[in-house]
Amino acid sequence: MLEKMAATYSGTEGFFVGGKLTWVDVYGFHMFSRLEEGWPGALDEYPKLRAISDNVASRPKVKDWLATRVRREQDLGNYIDWLL
């Protein structure tokens, strides 16, 4: 369903709606990246969704955020291990 929506409303490859970044693209990216963390390759059969995810992930500020998110989650994991 999301793949079909992206095909219908996107003006440019890599966006859900129109041809510029919107909150829908960012939210989709967040959802897709979490999905792929638990299920690698989940977007392999959905090229339009993959393009949106890759487009958002390629943004410099998103790259920086992802690097700190990974570090924060590792720190949280270490803290949880310490608690147990």
Protein backbone atom coordinates (compact mmCIF):
# COMPACT_ATOMS: atom_id res chain seq x y z
CA MET A 1 0.00 0.00 0.00
CA LEU A 2 2.77 2.49 0.89
CA GLU A 3 4.65 1.57 -2.29
CA LYS A 4 1.54 2.36 -4.32
CA MET A 5 1.03 5.67 -2.50
CA ALA A 6 4.62 6.68 -3.18
CA ALA A 7 4.16 5.86 -6.86
CA THR A 8 0.90 7.82 -7.04
CA TYR A 9 1.74 11.00 -5.12
CA SER A 10 5.47 11.42 -5.54
CA GLY A 11 6.56 14.05 -8.03
CA THR A 12 10.17 12.91 -7.83
CA GLU A 13 11.83 9.61 -6.98
CA GLY A 14 12.82 9.51 -3.32
CA PHE A 15 9.88 11.45 -1.89
CA PHE A 16 6.43 10.40 -0.71
CA VAL A 17 4.68 13.57 -1.84
CA GLY A 18 5.85 16.12 -4.38
CA GLY A 19 9.52 16.74 -5.00
CA LYS A 20 10.93 17.99 -1.73
CA LEU A 21 11.52 16.61 1.75
CA THR A 22 8.49 16.62 4.06
CA TRP A 23 7.81 15.26 7.53
CA VAL A 24 6.14 12.26 5.83
CA ASP A 25 9.48 11.30 4.27
CA VAL A 26 11.27 11.65 7.61
CA TYR A 27 8.63 9.63 9.44
CA GLY A 28 8.70 6.96 6.73
CA PHE A 29 12.47 6.82 6.97
CA HIS A 30 12.30 6.34 10.72
CA MET A 31 9.73 3.57 10.37
CA PHE A 32 11.64 1.85 7.53
CA SER A 33 15.02 2.04 9.24
CA ARG A 34 13.61 0.47 12.40
CA LEU A 35 11.90 -2.21 10.34
CA GLU A 36 15.15 -3.08 8.58
CA GLU A 37 17.06 -3.24 11.86
CA GLY A 38 14.83 -6.14 12.90
CA TRP A 39 14.23 -7.56 9.43
CA PRO A 40 17.16 -6.88 7.09
CA GLY A 41 16.08 -6.68 3.47
CA ALA A 42 12.47 -5.80 4.33
CA LEU A 43 12.44 -3.09 1.66
CA ASP A 44 14.10 -5.16 -1.06
CA GLU A 45 10.81 -5.71 -2.89
CA TYR A 46 9.73 -2.08 -2.52
CA PRO A 47 12.05 0.11 -4.60
CA LYS A 48 10.10 3.35 -4.10
CA LEU A 49 10.17 2.97 -0.32
CA ARG A 50 13.87 2.08 -0.49
CA ALA A 51 14.49 5.25 -2.54
CA ILE A 52 12.70 7.37 0.07
CA SER A 53 14.66 5.77 2.90
CA ASP A 54 17.97 6.20 1.06
CA ASN A 55 17.14 9.79 0.15
CA VAL A 56 16.46 10.79 3.75
CA ALA A 57 19.44 8.80 5.08
CA SER A 58 21.77 10.63 2.69
CA ARG A 59 21.02 14.03 4.24
CA PRO A 60 24.06 15.31 6.23
CA LYS A 61 22.06 16.16 9.36
CA VAL A 62 20.30 12.80 9.29
CA LYS A 63 23.69 11.04 8.98
CA ASP A 64 24.91 12.93 12.03
CA TRP A 65 21.76 12.07 13.97
CA LEU A 66 22.03 8.39 13.03
CA ALA A 67 25.62 8.26 14.26
CA THR A 68 24.62 9.68 17.65
CA ARG A 69 21.48 7.51 17.81
CA VAL A 70 23.56 4.38 17.43
CA ARG A 71 25.97 5.55 20.12
CA ARG A 72 23.11 6.46 22.49
CA GLU A 73 21.45 3.10 21.98
CA GLN A 74 24.73 1.27 22.58
CA ASP A 75 25.19 3.26 25.79
CA LEU A 76 21.63 2.42 26.82
CA GLY A 77 22.24 -1.24 26.06
CA ASN A 78 25.38 -1.20 28.20
CA TYR A 79 23.45 0.44 31.01
CA ILE A 80 20.67 -2.14 30.80
CA ASP A 81 23.26 -4.95 30.86
CA TRP A 82 24.82 -3.32 33.93
CA LEU A 83 21.42 -3.19 35.64
CA LEU A 84 20.79 -6.87 34.99
